[in-house]
């Protein structure tokens, strides 16, 4: 039972650190911005998050496309 309790505590402690951090467009590297723009032309970005995955920073763009639908790049 002690092992299970410890595992749950570690997962709960680690989760906030693993969650994405919201950043401003000015903080996003040019290559990441250009990739998002080329992937989803016309995207009206309302939120950008960055998180570390396997030692690399990953940027996630969220917003509305030209047709008004939600897009995540």
N, C-alpha and C. Protein backbone atom coordinates (compact mmCIF):
# COMPACT_ATOMS: atom_id res chain seq x y z
N UNK A 1 0.82 -1.20 0.00
CA UNK A 1 0.00 0.00 0.00
C UNK A 1 0.86 1.26 0.00
N UNK A 2 2.01 1.22 0.67
CA UNK A 2 2.90 2.37 0.73
C UNK A 2 3.40 2.74 -0.68
N UNK A 3 3.71 1.77 -1.50
CA UNK A 3 4.20 2.02 -2.85
C UNK A 3 3.13 2.72 -3.67
N UNK A 4 1.91 2.26 -3.58
CA UNK A 4 0.82 2.87 -4.34
C UNK A 4 0.59 4.31 -3.89
N UNK A 5 0.60 4.57 -2.61
CA UNK A 5 0.41 5.92 -2.10
C UNK A 5 1.53 6.84 -2.58
N UNK A 6 2.75 6.34 -2.56
CA UNK A 6 3.88 7.14 -3.02
C UNK A 6 3.77 7.45 -4.50
N UNK A 7 3.37 6.49 -5.31
CA UNK A 7 3.22 6.69 -6.75
C UNK A 7 2.16 7.75 -7.04
N UNK A 8 1.04 7.68 -6.35
CA UNK A 8 -0.02 8.66 -6.55
C UNK A 8 0.48 10.05 -6.15
N UNK A 9 1.21 10.15 -5.07
CA UNK A 9 1.74 11.44 -4.63
C UNK A 9 2.71 12.00 -5.65
N UNK A 10 3.56 11.16 -6.23
CA UNK A 10 4.51 11.62 -7.24
C UNK A 10 3.78 12.09 -8.50
N UNK A 11 2.75 11.38 -8.92
CA UNK A 11 1.99 11.77 -10.09
C UNK A 11 1.31 13.11 -9.87
N UNK A 12 0.76 13.31 -8.70
CA UNK A 12 0.07 14.56 -8.39
C UNK A 12 1.08 15.71 -8.33
N UNK A 13 2.26 15.45 -7.81
CA UNK A 13 3.29 16.47 -7.72
C UNK A 13 3.82 16.83 -9.10
N UNK A 14 3.97 15.83 -9.97
CA UNK A 14 4.56 16.05 -11.29
C UNK A 14 3.60 16.70 -12.27
N UNK A 15 2.32 16.50 -12.12
CA UNK A 15 1.36 16.97 -13.11
C UNK A 15 1.43 18.46 -13.42
N UNK A 16 1.46 19.36 -12.44
CA UNK A 16 1.51 20.78 -12.78
C UNK A 16 2.76 21.15 -13.56
N UNK A 17 3.88 20.53 -13.28
CA UNK A 17 5.12 20.84 -13.99
C UNK A 17 5.04 20.38 -15.43
N UNK A 18 4.28 19.33 -15.70
CA UNK A 18 4.17 18.80 -17.05
C UNK A 18 3.17 19.58 -17.88
N UNK A 19 2.27 20.30 -17.23
CA UNK A 19 1.24 21.05 -17.93
C UNK A 19 1.87 22.18 -18.73
N UNK A 20 1.21 22.57 -19.83
CA UNK A 20 1.72 23.65 -20.66
C UNK A 20 1.64 25.00 -19.96
N UNK A 21 2.57 25.87 -20.33
CA UNK A 21 2.59 27.23 -19.79
C UNK A 21 2.16 28.17 -20.90
N UNK A 22 1.23 29.04 -20.63
CA UNK A 22 0.76 29.99 -21.63
C UNK A 22 1.83 31.04 -21.87
N UNK A 23 2.07 31.34 -23.15
CA UNK A 23 3.07 32.35 -23.52
C UNK A 23 2.47 33.32 -24.53
N UNK A 24 3.10 34.49 -24.64
CA UNK A 24 2.69 35.51 -25.61
C UNK A 24 3.34 35.21 -26.96
N UNK A 25 2.73 35.69 -28.03
CA UNK A 25 3.25 35.47 -29.38
C UNK A 25 4.70 35.96 -29.49
N UNK A 26 5.02 37.04 -28.81
CA UNK A 26 6.37 37.61 -28.87
C UNK A 26 7.43 36.66 -28.29
N UNK A 27 7.01 35.72 -27.45
CA UNK A 27 7.94 34.78 -26.83
C UNK A 27 8.17 33.53 -27.69
N UNK A 28 7.42 33.38 -28.76
CA UNK A 28 7.49 32.19 -29.60
C UNK A 28 8.57 32.38 -30.66
N UNK A 29 9.46 31.41 -30.81
CA UNK A 29 10.49 31.52 -31.85
C UNK A 29 9.87 31.64 -33.25
N UNK A 30 10.56 32.36 -34.11
CA UNK A 30 10.07 32.60 -35.48
C UNK A 30 9.73 31.29 -36.19
N UNK A 31 10.57 30.28 -36.07
CA UNK A 31 10.33 29.00 -36.76
C UNK A 31 9.01 28.38 -36.32
N UNK A 32 8.68 28.46 -35.03
CA UNK A 32 7.43 27.88 -34.53
C UNK A 32 6.23 28.68 -35.04
N UNK A 33 6.36 30.02 -35.05
CA UNK A 33 5.27 30.86 -35.57
C UNK A 33 5.02 30.57 -37.04
N UNK A 34 6.09 30.50 -37.82
CA UNK A 34 5.95 30.25 -39.26
C UNK A 34 5.34 28.88 -39.53
N UNK A 35 5.71 27.90 -38.75
CA UNK A 35 5.14 26.56 -38.92
C UNK A 35 3.64 26.58 -38.67
N UNK A 36 3.22 27.26 -37.61
CA UNK A 36 1.78 27.35 -37.30
C UNK A 36 1.03 28.07 -38.42
N UNK A 37 1.59 29.18 -38.90
CA UNK A 37 0.94 29.96 -39.96
C UNK A 37 0.84 29.15 -41.24
N UNK A 38 1.89 28.41 -41.59
CA UNK A 38 1.89 27.60 -42.81
C UNK A 38 0.98 26.37 -42.68
N UNK A 39 0.84 25.86 -41.46
CA UNK A 39 0.00 24.68 -41.23
C UNK A 39 -1.48 25.04 -41.25
N UNK A 40 -1.81 26.22 -40.70
CA UNK A 40 -3.21 26.64 -40.62
C UNK A 40 -3.33 28.09 -41.05
N UNK A 41 -3.26 28.34 -42.38
CA UNK A 41 -3.38 29.73 -42.86
C UNK A 41 -4.70 30.36 -42.39
N UNK A 42 -4.60 31.62 -41.95
CA UNK A 42 -5.80 32.33 -41.50
C UNK A 42 -6.17 32.07 -40.06
N UNK A 43 -5.35 31.31 -39.34
CA UNK A 43 -5.63 31.01 -37.93
C UNK A 43 -5.60 32.29 -37.11
N UNK A 44 -6.66 32.55 -36.38
CA UNK A 44 -6.74 33.68 -35.45
C UNK A 44 -6.40 33.12 -34.07
N UNK A 45 -5.14 33.26 -33.67
CA UNK A 45 -4.63 32.64 -32.44
C UNK A 45 -5.16 33.37 -31.22
N UNK A 46 -5.71 32.61 -30.27
CA UNK A 46 -6.14 33.21 -29.01
C UNK A 46 -5.42 32.63 -27.81
N UNK A 47 -4.58 31.60 -28.04
CA UNK A 47 -3.85 31.00 -26.92
C UNK A 47 -2.66 30.22 -27.45
N UNK A 48 -1.51 30.37 -26.79
CA UNK A 48 -0.31 29.62 -27.13
C UNK A 48 0.24 29.03 -25.85
N UNK A 49 0.54 27.74 -25.89
CA UNK A 49 1.15 27.07 -24.74
C UNK A 49 2.47 26.46 -25.17
N UNK A 50 3.40 26.41 -24.25
CA UNK A 50 4.68 25.74 -24.49
C UNK A 50 4.89 24.73 -23.37
N UNK A 51 5.38 23.57 -23.75
CA UNK A 51 5.71 22.55 -22.76
C UNK A 51 6.93 21.79 -23.25
N UNK A 52 7.59 21.14 -22.33
CA UNK A 52 8.77 20.36 -22.67
C UNK A 52 8.37 18.90 -22.85
N UNK A 53 8.75 18.35 -24.00
CA UNK A 53 8.50 16.94 -24.29
C UNK A 53 9.80 16.32 -24.78
N UNK A 54 10.27 15.33 -24.08
CA UNK A 54 11.51 14.64 -24.43
C UNK A 54 12.67 15.62 -24.61
N UNK A 55 12.73 16.62 -23.74
CA UNK A 55 13.83 17.57 -23.76
C UNK A 55 13.71 18.68 -24.79
N UNK A 56 12.59 18.73 -25.51
CA UNK A 56 12.39 19.76 -26.54
C UNK A 56 11.17 20.60 -26.18
N UNK A 57 11.22 21.89 -26.54
CA UNK A 57 10.07 22.76 -26.31
C UNK A 57 9.08 22.57 -27.45
N UNK A 58 7.82 22.37 -27.09
CA UNK A 58 6.75 22.17 -28.07
C UNK A 58 5.73 23.29 -27.86
N UNK A 59 5.43 24.01 -28.95
CA UNK A 59 4.47 25.11 -28.91
C UNK A 59 3.14 24.64 -29.50
N UNK A 60 2.06 24.96 -28.81
CA UNK A 60 0.72 24.59 -29.26
C UNK A 60 -0.09 25.87 -29.42
N UNK A 61 -0.60 26.08 -30.64
CA UNK A 61 -1.39 27.26 -30.96
C UNK A 61 -2.86 26.86 -31.01
N UNK A 62 -3.72 27.66 -30.38
CA UNK A 62 -5.16 27.41 -30.40
C UNK A 62 -5.85 28.68 -30.87
N UNK A 63 -6.90 28.50 -31.66
CA UNK A 63 -7.65 29.65 -32.13
C UNK A 63 -8.77 29.24 -33.05
N UNK A 64 -9.20 30.18 -33.88
CA UNK A 64 -10.30 29.94 -34.83
C UNK A 64 -9.76 30.08 -36.25
N UNK A 65 -10.22 29.17 -37.09
CA UNK A 65 -9.86 29.21 -38.49
C UNK A 65 -10.74 30.19 -39.24
N UNK A 66 -10.47 30.39 -40.55
CA UNK A 66 -11.27 31.32 -41.35
C UNK A 66 -12.76 31.01 -41.34
N UNK A 67 -13.13 29.72 -41.21
CA UNK A 67 -14.53 29.35 -41.18
C UNK A 67 -15.17 29.45 -39.80
N UNK A 68 -14.38 29.86 -38.80
CA UNK A 68 -14.91 30.02 -37.45
C UNK A 68 -14.73 28.81 -36.55
N UNK A 69 -14.26 27.67 -37.10
CA UNK A 69 -14.06 26.47 -36.30
C UNK A 69 -12.81 26.53 -35.46
N UNK A 70 -12.80 25.83 -34.34
CA UNK A 70 -11.65 25.77 -33.46
C UNK A 70 -10.54 24.97 -34.12
N UNK A 71 -9.31 25.48 -34.03
CA UNK A 71 -8.14 24.81 -34.59
C UNK A 71 -7.05 24.77 -33.53
N UNK A 72 -6.35 23.66 -33.49
CA UNK A 72 -5.22 23.48 -32.59
C UNK A 72 -4.05 22.97 -33.42
N UNK A 73 -2.95 23.73 -33.40
CA UNK A 73 -1.76 23.36 -34.19
C UNK A 73 -0.60 23.17 -33.23
